[in-house]
Amino acid sequence: MALAEAGACGRLLLWPRVVLFGDSITEFSFRENGWGAYLAERLVRKCDVVNRGLSGYNTRWAKLILPRLITKSAGAESTVAVTIFFGANDSALKDLNPKQHVPLEEYAANLKSMIQYLKSVDITEDRIILITPPALQESAWEKECLAKGDTLNRCNATTGEYARACVQVARDCGTDVVDLWMLMQNSQDFSSYLCDGLHLSPKGNSFLAAQLWSRLENKLSALPFLLPYWRDVDHTHPEATLLPDALQ
């Protein structure tokens, strides 16, 4: 059977997708040992894991672009889960980093706005997972700032306020949430979860991946394995296994 003919006979295979939406901690998640790569590995042949991380972004900017990433006509139906992971930039200190800073009340409102948008395109609350910003290791991040000629522009206590606001939004809106800030605080030395005081280290990536997988595994456990295992393909008549629609 020619390729053109096979394509005409078989239905287009549409993989379900998990969308990771966030800032640099999401953008970097597909690096080696990243939390996004971990999820993609476990969901291979079941769904695509789509990285929509945008380094430096805050919720003020994120809510504007979300409708350009997911619409009813482009991906909402096949989207089985969405993570929303912002706050590390929103919580930057206003006087020292006004470009990225978003006031606490606006941050919470922006998260709610994004959830409401997703619901408007039929992505229900049970498919949405909020992630709070991680804890900040101030001395390590201060070194990064000083190397760039800046002063320390974030503090862990302020980040904690944004994390608590994120958790409250999840409660108000009925979504799941990974309280990464608090989970890290429960560790005796959470600095090992960070590579520079702000972004996740390999250990931190592994930690977040495990937290997310414990939530996603139940949501996605019913997804089928896409296309047969190779031993199950009829090698004498592969089209009977791989193109069943063509034989009807």
C-alpha atoms as a PDB file:
ATOM      1  CA  MET A   1       0.000   0.000   0.000  1.00  0.00           C
ATOM      2  CA  ALA A   2       1.442   3.376  -0.982  1.00  0.00           C
ATOM      3  CA  LEU A   3       2.076   5.947   1.725  1.00  0.00           C
ATOM      4  CA  ALA A   4      -0.494   8.352   0.294  1.00  0.00           C
ATOM      5  CA  GLU A   5      -3.080   5.586   0.168  1.00  0.00           C
ATOM      6  CA  ALA A   6      -2.292   4.442   3.697  1.00  0.00           C
ATOM      7  CA  GLY A   7      -2.630   7.985   4.954  1.00  0.00           C
ATOM      8  CA  ALA A   8      -5.976   8.392   3.257  1.00  0.00           C
ATOM      9  CA  CYS A   9      -7.312   5.130   4.704  1.00  0.00           C
ATOM     10  CA  GLY A  10      -6.164   5.535   8.281  1.00  0.00           C
ATOM     11  CA  ARG A  11      -7.510   8.079  10.761  1.00  0.00           C
ATOM     12  CA  LEU A  12      -5.062  10.749  11.860  1.00  0.00           C
ATOM     13  CA  LEU A  13      -3.580   9.733  15.191  1.00  0.00           C
ATOM     14  CA  LEU A  14      -3.978  12.537  17.707  1.00  0.00           C
ATOM     15  CA  TRP A  15      -1.952  12.146  20.860  1.00  0.00           C
ATOM     16  CA  PRO A  16      -3.547  13.588  24.013  1.00  0.00           C
ATOM     17  CA  ARG A  17      -1.330  16.241  25.559  1.00  0.00           C
ATOM     18  CA  VAL A  18      -0.188  17.568  28.901  1.00  0.00           C
ATOM     19  CA  VAL A  19       0.684  21.282  28.737  1.00  0.00           C
ATOM     20  CA  LEU A  20       3.315  22.666  31.108  1.00  0.00           C
ATOM     21  CA  PHE A  21       2.748  26.430  31.385  1.00  0.00           C
ATOM     22  CA  GLY A  22       5.107  28.522  33.462  1.00  0.00           C
ATOM     23  CA  ASP A  23       8.276  30.556  33.717  1.00  0.00           C
ATOM     24  CA  SER A  24      11.936  29.546  33.441  1.00  0.00           C
ATOM     25  CA  ILE A  25      11.531  26.671  35.915  1.00  0.00           C
ATOM     26  CA  THR A  26       9.149  25.168  33.375  1.00  0.00           C
ATOM     27  CA  GLU A  27      11.208  26.197  30.338  1.00  0.00           C
ATOM     28  CA  PHE A  28      14.265  24.430  31.799  1.00  0.00           C
ATOM     29  CA  SER A  29      12.254  21.329  32.727  1.00  0.00           C
ATOM     30  CA  PHE A  30      13.155  19.486  29.508  1.00  0.00           C
ATOM     31  CA  ARG A  31      16.855  19.642  30.257  1.00  0.00           C
ATOM     32  CA  GLU A  32      18.649  16.470  31.343  1.00  0.00           C
ATOM     33  CA  ASN A  33      17.018  15.142  34.533  1.00  0.00           C
ATOM     34  CA  GLY A  34      14.372  17.879  34.350  1.00  0.00           C
ATOM     35  CA  TRP A  35      10.917  17.363  35.813  1.00  0.00           C
ATOM     36  CA  GLY A  36       9.229  17.858  32.434  1.00  0.00           C
ATOM     37  CA  ALA A  37      11.504  15.288  30.816  1.00  0.00           C
ATOM     38  CA  TYR A  38      10.644  12.878  33.641  1.00  0.00           C
ATOM     39  CA  LEU A  39       6.932  13.240  32.903  1.00  0.00           C
ATOM     40  CA  ALA A  40       7.469  12.915  29.147  1.00  0.00           C
ATOM     41  CA  GLU A  41       9.386   9.675  29.637  1.00  0.00           C
ATOM     42  CA  ARG A  42       6.609   8.143  31.722  1.00  0.00           C
ATOM     43  CA  LEU A  43       3.887   9.223  29.343  1.00  0.00           C
ATOM     44  CA  VAL A  44       5.564   8.229  26.088  1.00  0.00           C
ATOM     45  CA  ARG A  45       3.165   6.401  23.718  1.00  0.00           C
ATOM     46  CA  LYS A  46       0.285   7.718  25.864  1.00  0.00           C
ATOM     47  CA  CYS A  47       0.397  11.488  25.410  1.00  0.00           C
ATOM     48  CA  ASP A  48       2.658  14.362  24.427  1.00  0.00           C
ATOM     49  CA  VAL A  49       4.114  16.582  27.127  1.00  0.00           C
ATOM     50  CA  VAL A  50       4.239  20.107  25.700  1.00  0.00           C
ATOM     51  CA  ASN A  51       6.631  22.639  27.214  1.00  0.00           C
ATOM     52  CA  ARG A  52       5.242  26.165  27.241  1.00  0.00           C
ATOM     53  CA  GLY A  53       7.702  27.585  29.741  1.00  0.00           C
ATOM     54  CA  LEU A  54       8.681  31.216  29.230  1.00  0.00           C
ATOM     55  CA  SER A  55      11.741  32.408  31.098  1.00  0.00           C
ATOM     56  CA  GLY A  56      11.209  35.599  33.093  1.00  0.00           C
ATOM     57  CA  TYR A  57       7.438  35.724  32.621  1.00  0.00           C
ATOM     58  CA  ASN A  58       4.952  36.587  35.339  1.00  0.00           C
ATOM     59  CA  THR A  59       1.194  36.006  35.603  1.00  0.00           C
ATOM     60  CA  ARG A  60       0.385  39.464  34.193  1.00  0.00           C
ATOM     61  CA  TRP A  61       1.967  38.452  30.906  1.00  0.00           C
ATOM     62  CA  ALA A  62       0.937  34.800  31.116  1.00  0.00           C
ATOM     63  CA  LYS A  63      -2.788  35.469  31.260  1.00  0.00           C
ATOM     64  CA  LEU A  64      -2.504  37.505  28.051  1.00  0.00           C
ATOM     65  CA  ILE A  65      -0.837  34.752  26.043  1.00  0.00           C
ATOM     66  CA  LEU A  66      -2.684  31.698  27.382  1.00  0.00           C
ATOM     67  CA  PRO A  67      -5.533  32.127  24.842  1.00  0.00           C
ATOM     68  CA  ARG A  68      -2.891  31.997  22.097  1.00  0.00           C
ATOM     69  CA  LEU A  69      -1.644  28.638  23.364  1.00  0.00           C
ATOM     70  CA  ILE A  70      -4.889  26.764  24.043  1.00  0.00           C
ATOM     71  CA  THR A  71      -8.184  27.375  22.258  1.00  0.00           C
ATOM     72  CA  LYS A  72     -11.293  25.310  21.601  1.00  0.00           C
ATOM     73  CA  SER A  73     -10.189  24.859  18.003  1.00  0.00           C
ATOM     74  CA  ALA A  74      -6.543  24.152  18.798  1.00  0.00           C
ATOM     75  CA  GLY A  75      -5.882  21.614  21.455  1.00  0.00           C
ATOM     76  CA  ALA A  76      -8.395  22.061  24.260  1.00  0.00           C
ATOM     77  CA  GLU A  77     -10.244  18.815  23.552  1.00  0.00           C
ATOM     78  CA  SER A  78      -7.050  16.750  23.546  1.00  0.00           C
ATOM     79  CA  THR A  79      -5.533  18.507  26.574  1.00  0.00           C
ATOM     80  CA  VAL A  80      -5.744  16.068  29.464  1.00  0.00           C
ATOM     81  CA  ALA A  81      -3.794  18.127  32.007  1.00  0.00           C
ATOM     82  CA  VAL A  82      -2.338  21.623  32.419  1.00  0.00           C
ATOM     83  CA  THR A  83       0.184  22.753  34.998  1.00  0.00           C
ATOM     84  CA  ILE A  84       0.311  26.465  35.867  1.00  0.00           C
ATOM     85  CA  PHE A  85       3.612  27.283  37.543  1.00  0.00           C
ATOM     86  CA  PHE A  86       4.171  30.988  38.158  1.00  0.00           C
ATOM     87  CA  GLY A  87       5.150  33.131  41.114  1.00  0.00           C
ATOM     88  CA  ALA A  88       8.939  33.125  41.254  1.00  0.00           C
ATOM     89  CA  ASN A  89       8.983  36.317  39.167  1.00  0.00           C
ATOM     90  CA  ASP A  90       5.722  37.826  40.428  1.00  0.00           C
ATOM     91  CA  SER A  91       7.159  37.754  43.958  1.00  0.00           C
ATOM     92  CA  ALA A  92      10.277  39.745  43.023  1.00  0.00           C
ATOM     93  CA  LEU A  93      10.614  42.799  45.253  1.00  0.00           C
ATOM     94  CA  LYS A  94       8.869  45.779  43.688  1.00  0.00           C
ATOM     95  CA  ASP A  95      11.527  48.397  44.487  1.00  0.00           C
ATOM     96  CA  LEU A  96      14.375  46.238  43.175  1.00  0.00           C
ATOM     97  CA  ASN A  97      12.698  44.427  40.274  1.00  0.00           C
ATOM     98  CA  PRO A  98       9.631  46.397  39.158  1.00  0.00           C
ATOM     99  CA  LYS A  99       9.552  44.872  35.666  1.00  0.00           C
ATOM    100  CA  GLN A 100       8.766  41.364  36.862  1.00  0.00           C
ATOM    101  CA  HIS A 101       6.989  42.164  40.141  1.00  0.00           C
ATOM    102  CA  VAL A 102       3.231  41.668  40.314  1.00  0.00           C
ATOM    103  CA  PRO A 103       1.334  42.693  43.476  1.00  0.00           C
ATOM    104  CA  LEU A 104       0.082  39.782  45.561  1.00  0.00           C
ATOM    105  CA  GLU A 105      -3.620  40.468  45.032  1.00  0.00           C
ATOM    106  CA  GLU A 106      -3.141  40.784  41.269  1.00  0.00           C
ATOM    107  CA  TYR A 107      -1.119  37.559  41.218  1.00  0.00           C
ATOM    108  CA  ALA A 108      -4.020  35.674  42.781  1.00  0.00           C
ATOM    109  CA  ALA A 109      -6.501  37.334  40.421  1.00  0.00           C
ATOM    110  CA  ASN A 110      -4.354  36.422  37.410  1.00  0.00           C
ATOM    111  CA  LEU A 111      -4.239  32.764  38.442  1.00  0.00           C
ATOM    112  CA  LYS A 112      -8.014  32.744  38.818  1.00  0.00           C
ATOM    113  CA  SER A 113      -8.356  34.406  35.420  1.00  0.00           C
ATOM    114  CA  MET A 114      -6.257  31.681  33.782  1.00  0.00           C
ATOM    115  CA  ILE A 115      -8.282  28.948  35.443  1.00  0.00           C
ATOM    116  CA  GLN A 116     -11.515  30.584  34.326  1.00  0.00           C
ATOM    117  CA  TYR A 117     -10.200  30.822  30.773  1.00  0.00           C
ATOM    118  CA  LEU A 118      -9.278  27.144  30.702  1.00  0.00           C
ATOM    119  CA  LYS A 119     -12.727  26.271  31.980  1.00  0.00           C
ATOM    120  CA  SER A 120     -14.255  28.407  29.207  1.00  0.00           C
ATOM    121  CA  VAL A 121     -12.565  26.174  26.625  1.00  0.00           C
ATOM    122  CA  ASP A 122     -13.781  23.048  28.417  1.00  0.00           C
ATOM    123  CA  ILE A 123     -10.659  22.182  30.396  1.00  0.00           C
ATOM    124  CA  THR A 124     -12.229  21.327  33.726  1.00  0.00           C
ATOM    125  CA  GLU A 125     -10.791  21.952  37.192  1.00  0.00           C
ATOM    126  CA  ASP A 126      -9.788  18.327  37.633  1.00  0.00           C
ATOM    127  CA  ARG A 127      -7.354  18.682  34.720  1.00  0.00           C
ATOM    128  CA  ILE A 128      -5.592  21.756  36.162  1.00  0.00           C
ATOM    129  CA  ILE A 129      -2.687  21.631  38.619  1.00  0.00           C
ATOM    130  CA  LEU A 130      -1.268  24.795  40.155  1.00  0.00           C
ATOM    131  CA  ILE A 131       2.328  24.769  41.388  1.00  0.00           C
ATOM    132  CA  THR A 132       3.506  27.336  43.905  1.00  0.00           C
ATOM    133  CA  PRO A 133       6.874  29.038  43.458  1.00  0.00           C
ATOM    134  CA  PRO A 134       9.697  27.117  45.117  1.00  0.00           C
ATOM    135  CA  ALA A 135      11.374  28.297  48.276  1.00  0.00           C
ATOM    136  CA  LEU A 136      14.209  30.788  47.730  1.00  0.00           C
ATOM    137  CA  GLN A 137      17.696  30.259  49.128  1.00  0.00           C
ATOM    138  CA  GLU A 138      18.619  33.914  49.554  1.00  0.00           C
ATOM    139  CA  SER A 139      22.386  33.721  50.003  1.00  0.00           C
ATOM    140  CA  ALA A 140      22.848  31.650  46.835  1.00  0.00           C
ATOM    141  CA  TRP A 141      20.527  33.876  44.796  1.00  0.00           C
ATOM    142  CA  GLU A 142      22.275  36.983  46.107  1.00  0.00           C
ATOM    143  CA  LYS A 143      25.531  35.687  44.623  1.00  0.00           C
ATOM    144  CA  GLU A 144      23.794  35.347  41.243  1.00  0.00           C
ATOM    145  CA  CYS A 145      22.463  38.900  41.517  1.00  0.00           C
ATOM    146  CA  LEU A 146      25.821  40.365  42.541  1.00  0.00           C
ATOM    147  CA  ALA A 147      27.522  38.615  39.606  1.00  0.00           C
ATOM    148  CA  LYS A 148      25.180  40.572  37.321  1.00  0.00           C
ATOM    149  CA  GLY A 149      25.778  43.856  39.135  1.00  0.00           C
ATOM    150  CA  ASP A 150      22.437  43.743  40.956  1.00  0.00           C
ATOM    151  CA  THR A 151      21.386  43.442  44.577  1.00  0.00           C
ATOM    152  CA  LEU A 152      19.255  40.689  46.079  1.00  0.00           C
ATOM    153  CA  ASN A 153      15.841  41.201  44.448  1.00  0.00           C
ATOM    154  CA  ARG A 154      13.788  38.471  46.113  1.00  0.00           C
ATOM    155  CA  CYS A 155      13.258  37.128  49.605  1.00  0.00           C
ATOM    156  CA  ASN A 156      11.929  33.789  50.773  1.00  0.00           C
ATOM    157  CA  ALA A 157       9.326  35.208  53.159  1.00  0.00           C
ATOM    158  CA  THR A 158       7.717  37.192  50.345  1.00  0.00           C
ATOM    159  CA  THR A 159       7.793  34.164  48.050  1.00  0.00           C
ATOM    160  CA  GLY A 160       5.994  32.272  50.791  1.00  0.00           C
ATOM    161  CA  GLU A 161       3.164  34.805  50.713  1.00  0.00           C
ATOM    162  CA  TYR A 162       2.703  34.176  47.007  1.00  0.00           C
ATOM    163  CA  ALA A 163       2.821  30.423  47.571  1.00  0.00           C
ATOM    164  CA  ARG A 164       0.045  30.673  50.153  1.00  0.00           C
ATOM    165  CA  ALA A 165      -1.996  32.810  47.759  1.00  0.00           C
ATOM    166  CA  CYS A 166      -1.551  30.157  45.061  1.00  0.00           C
ATOM    167  CA  VAL A 167      -2.768  27.443  47.429  1.00  0.00           C
ATOM    168  CA  GLN A 168      -5.802  29.552  48.333  1.00  0.00           C
ATOM    169  CA  VAL A 169      -6.647  30.090  44.664  1.00  0.00           C
ATOM    170  CA  ALA A 170      -6.552  26.317  44.148  1.00  0.00           C
ATOM    171  CA  ARG A 171      -8.945  25.847  47.052  1.00  0.00           C
ATOM    172  CA  ASP A 172     -11.271  28.570  45.817  1.00  0.00           C
ATOM    173  CA  CYS A 173     -11.312  27.253  42.246  1.00  0.00           C
ATOM    174  CA  GLY A 174     -11.323  23.529  43.002  1.00  0.00           C
ATOM    175  CA  THR A 175      -8.053  22.666  41.269  1.00  0.00           C
ATOM    176  CA  ASP A 176      -5.212  20.493  42.485  1.00  0.00           C
ATOM    177  CA  VAL A 177      -2.048  22.191  43.768  1.00  0.00           C
ATOM    178  CA  VAL A 178       1.534  21.254  44.526  1.00  0.00           C
ATOM    179  CA  ASP A 179       2.663  23.495  47.381  1.00  0.00           C
ATOM    180  CA  LEU A 180       6.308  23.307  46.384  1.00  0.00           C
ATOM    181  CA  TRP A 181       7.324  26.156  48.700  1.00  0.00           C
ATOM    182  CA  MET A 182       5.967  24.421  51.791  1.00  0.00           C
ATOM    183  CA  LEU A 183       7.152  20.975  50.752  1.00  0.00           C
ATOM    184  CA  MET A 184      10.673  22.330  50.367  1.00  0.00           C
ATOM    185  CA  GLN A 185      10.441  24.157  53.690  1.00  0.00           C
ATOM    186  CA  ASN A 186       9.736  20.801  55.357  1.00  0.00           C
ATOM    187  CA  SER A 187      13.228  19.688  54.380  1.00  0.00           C
ATOM    188  CA  GLN A 188      16.026  20.367  56.836  1.00  0.00           C
ATOM    189  CA  ASP A 189      18.179  21.855  54.072  1.00  0.00           C
ATOM    190  CA  PHE A 190      16.099  22.802  51.041  1.00  0.00           C
ATOM    191  CA  SER A 191      19.076  24.497  49.369  1.00  0.00           C
ATOM    192  CA  SER A 192      19.984  21.111  47.859  1.00  0.00           C
ATOM    193  CA  TYR A 193      16.794  21.360  45.784  1.00  0.00           C
ATOM    194  CA  LEU A 194      18.128  24.510  44.083  1.00  0.00           C
ATOM    195  CA  CYS A 195      21.050  25.071  41.728  1.00  0.00           C
ATOM    196  CA  ASP A 196      21.386  28.838  42.183  1.00  0.00           C
ATOM    197  CA  GLY A 197      19.002  29.678  45.013  1.00  0.00           C
ATOM    198  CA  LEU A 198      16.014  30.086  42.657  1.00  0.00           C
ATOM    199  CA  HIS A 199      16.006  27.410  39.932  1.00  0.00           C
ATOM    200  CA  LEU A 200      15.749  23.688  40.593  1.00  0.00           C
ATOM    201  CA  SER A 201      18.747  21.402  40.897  1.00  0.00           C
ATOM    202  CA  PRO A 202      18.622  17.778  39.687  1.00  0.00           C
ATOM    203  CA  LYS A 203      17.421  16.808  43.165  1.00  0.00           C
ATOM    204  CA  GLY A 204      14.771  19.524  43.077  1.00  0.00           C
ATOM    205  CA  ASN A 205      13.630  18.444  39.623  1.00  0.00           C
ATOM    206  CA  SER A 206      13.312  14.860  40.807  1.00  0.00           C
ATOM    207  CA  PHE A 207      11.403  15.994  43.883  1.00  0.00           C
ATOM    208  CA  LEU A 208       8.902  18.048  41.883  1.00  0.00           C
ATOM    209  CA  ALA A 209       8.515  15.306  39.267  1.00  0.00           C
ATOM    210  CA  ALA A 210       7.579  12.823  41.983  1.00  0.00           C
ATOM    211  CA  GLN A 211       5.044  15.226  43.467  1.00  0.00           C
ATOM    212  CA  LEU A 212       3.440  15.834  40.083  1.00  0.00           C
ATOM    213  CA  TRP A 213       3.463  12.196  39.055  1.00  0.00           C
ATOM    214  CA  SER A 214       1.603  11.205  42.228  1.00  0.00           C
ATOM    215  CA  ARG A 215      -1.217  13.470  40.992  1.00  0.00           C
ATOM    216  CA  LEU A 216      -1.010  12.839  37.254  1.00  0.00           C
ATOM    217  CA  GLU A 217      -0.755   9.066  37.480  1.00  0.00           C
ATOM    218  CA  ASN A 218      -4.322   8.762  38.733  1.00  0.00           C
ATOM    219  CA  LYS A 219      -5.646  11.310  36.218  1.00  0.00           C
ATOM    220  CA  LEU A 220      -3.959   9.647  33.253  1.00  0.00           C
ATOM    221  CA  SER A 221      -3.932   5.978  34.240  1.00  0.00           C
ATOM    222  CA  ALA A 222      -6.831   5.178  31.910  1.00  0.00           C
ATOM    223  CA  LEU A 223      -5.096   6.538  28.812  1.00  0.00           C
ATOM    224  CA  PRO A 224      -4.403   3.730  26.324  1.00  0.00           C
ATOM    225  CA  PHE A 225      -1.006   2.778  24.941  1.00  0.00           C
ATOM    226  CA  LEU A 226      -1.052   4.330  21.452  1.00  0.00           C
ATOM    227  CA  LEU A 227      -0.431   1.886  18.604  1.00  0.00           C
ATOM    228  CA  PRO A 228       0.187  -1.798  19.313  1.00  0.00           C
ATOM    229  CA  TYR A 229       3.284  -3.217  20.941  1.00  0.00           C
ATOM    230  CA  TRP A 230       5.556  -4.447  18.187  1.00  0.00           C
ATOM    231  CA  ARG A 231       5.142  -8.118  19.109  1.00  0.00           C
ATOM    232  CA  ASP A 232       1.380  -7.704  18.604  1.00  0.00           C
ATOM    233  CA  VAL A 233       1.691  -6.497  15.004  1.00  0.00           C
ATOM    234  CA  ASP A 234       0.725  -9.111  12.392  1.00  0.00           C
ATOM    235  CA  HIS A 235       3.983  -9.098  10.434  1.00  0.00           C
ATOM    236  CA  THR A 236       2.404 -10.883   7.465  1.00  0.00           C
ATOM    237  CA  HIS A 237      -0.408  -8.335   7.161  1.00  0.00           C
ATOM    238  CA  PRO A 238       0.688  -5.269   9.214  1.00  0.00           C
ATOM    239  CA  GLU A 239      -2.106  -3.119   7.787  1.00  0.00           C
ATOM    240  CA  ALA A 240      -4.623  -5.370   9.560  1.00  0.00           C
ATOM    241  CA  THR A 241      -3.112  -4.268  12.874  1.00  0.00           C
ATOM    242  CA  LEU A 242      -1.967  -0.759  12.089  1.00  0.00           C
ATOM    243  CA  LEU A 243      -4.687   0.408   9.694  1.00  0.00           C
ATOM    244  CA  PRO A 244      -7.865  -1.339  10.872  1.00  0.00           C
ATOM    245  CA  ASP A 245     -10.067   1.462   9.492  1.00  0.00           C
ATOM    246  CA  ALA A 246      -8.778   0.772   5.979  1.00  0.00           C
ATOM    247  CA  LEU A 247     -10.173  -2.743   6.085  1.00  0.00           C
ATOM    248  CA  GLN A 248     -13.723  -1.830   7.093  1.00  0.00           C
END
